[in-house]
Every structure is written in C-alpha cells, then in structure tokens.
Amino acid sequence: MIADFNPDTIKAVVFDVDDTITRGTIAIKAEAWDVLFPNKQELVREARELYEYTGKGDRYNIIAHIIGAPQDNCFDNEAVQQWAQRFEATVQKNVRDNGIHQDDLHALEYVHQIFPEAMYVLSVTPQKSVEENIQFFATQYPSMQNMFVRIIGTPLVEGKAGALRDIAKENNCNPGTLVVIGDGNSDYQGAYDAGTQFIGVNPNDRADKWPQENFPKVPNISHILELL
C-alpha cells in the first residue's frame, strides 16, 4: 500500500517523465497515435485502455493490438518494431521541442539540492528513449547534467515496484522512505506495490484520478516545493 507521506523521512526521490518532468506529453503521444493509425482509432483506444492506462503494457503491446500481431514476444516482432520506431521518432521530436517548463526545472534544481545523490528517473518509456531524452534536456538545461543517479526505462523485470525496491536497496533504506512523483496509474501502482510514498501529478485539465486517496496531489511538479 502507499506509505503515509512524511517529507522528514524521505531518503530518495523517483520521478516519472511524461507529464511529470515534462508537460503535455500525453497529448503529444495521443496525437502521434492518431497520425500513425488514422483509420484505426477504435483499436488505438482499446489498446491504450488495455496497456497504457492500466500500466500493464507498453507501446509494443499497443501496436501489436492495433496491427493484430501476437502479444507473446511482441517486442521481437519486426513489424511491431518498425511501427514503434516511427512512433518514437514522432514523439521524441515533439517532446524535445516542447522542452521543460521553467518552473518545473526550478523544482528539479531544488530537489537536487536536497537529494544530490538520490534522484532517479523511472519510466515505462523504453530505456534507450528515456535516456536519450534526459540527456538531450541536460544539453539544453545545464543544471540537469548528472542530476539523476540512474535513469530507468523498460523493459522492467518486475515492473516499477521491482525497480523501486532495487532503489531502496541501493540507498540502504526501506521502500517507505522513497517518494514516487508521477501522473500515471503505472506510477501509482508501482508505489502501491512497493509500499513507497507518492505524490500524484494531476494536471488541472484532468479529473482527479485518485479521489479517495490521501497522498498529496499537485497540478505540476513546480508545486512540490510546497511539500518537500
């Protein structure tokens, strides 16, 4: 379950990327799906509901569903890989063009001052892609250079929860002293299964995804300055 939020106990901070470190990424990805599969929007919707919104899969599962490929070993399917590369090229360009909001950059800098050796990125974006995006942003915003101890993307052997337990071991602490900051169900579920603290990023233009939960919720990460 989600650990009670207590900033005095936090030993490490784990950030999601899409719509957390960056803003507007969900809309960018939605547009990319529409561009790639303009005549299969119903299948796109079904696939995203099955895999993206639940955190039970990734872009490879979504593409396999859309094109009718088997889910087993879809990562190794050549046709799925080709579509994934097209999707990645479209998203990566637009995410980079969109940049990082100055207020959010200030928040990252603030957190880094408090946890200079205990900031992580954990994303369900493929490893190579998330690494390249963070490295790109570090060239654009010098304060982000060497900001994160590790950048973790998919594939994740035991999901986000497994990665969070590994981070706790690295920091010689229990998972309850980590805080996950993210906007998605995969972030929430990983924090829940690992027993970490959680700050939900819930942009103002979306309904509250966690109405019954007591953990802090912010419209964007600039507001974590009020919490840590």
Foldseek 3Di string as FASTA:
>chain_A
DAFDDDLVLAQAEEEEPECAQFNPLVVQLVVLVCVLCVPQVVLLVVLCVVPVQQVNHDQLSSQCSRVVHDPVVSVPPPVSVVSVVSSLVSSLVVRVVRAGDPLSVVLLLVVCVVRVQHYEYEYQPAPVSQVVSLVSNCVVPVSSVSRHNYYHYDPDPVALLVVLCVSCVVSVHQQQNYEYEEAHNSSVVSSVVRHYHYEHQDAPVDDDPCVPDDGHYHVYSSVCVVVD
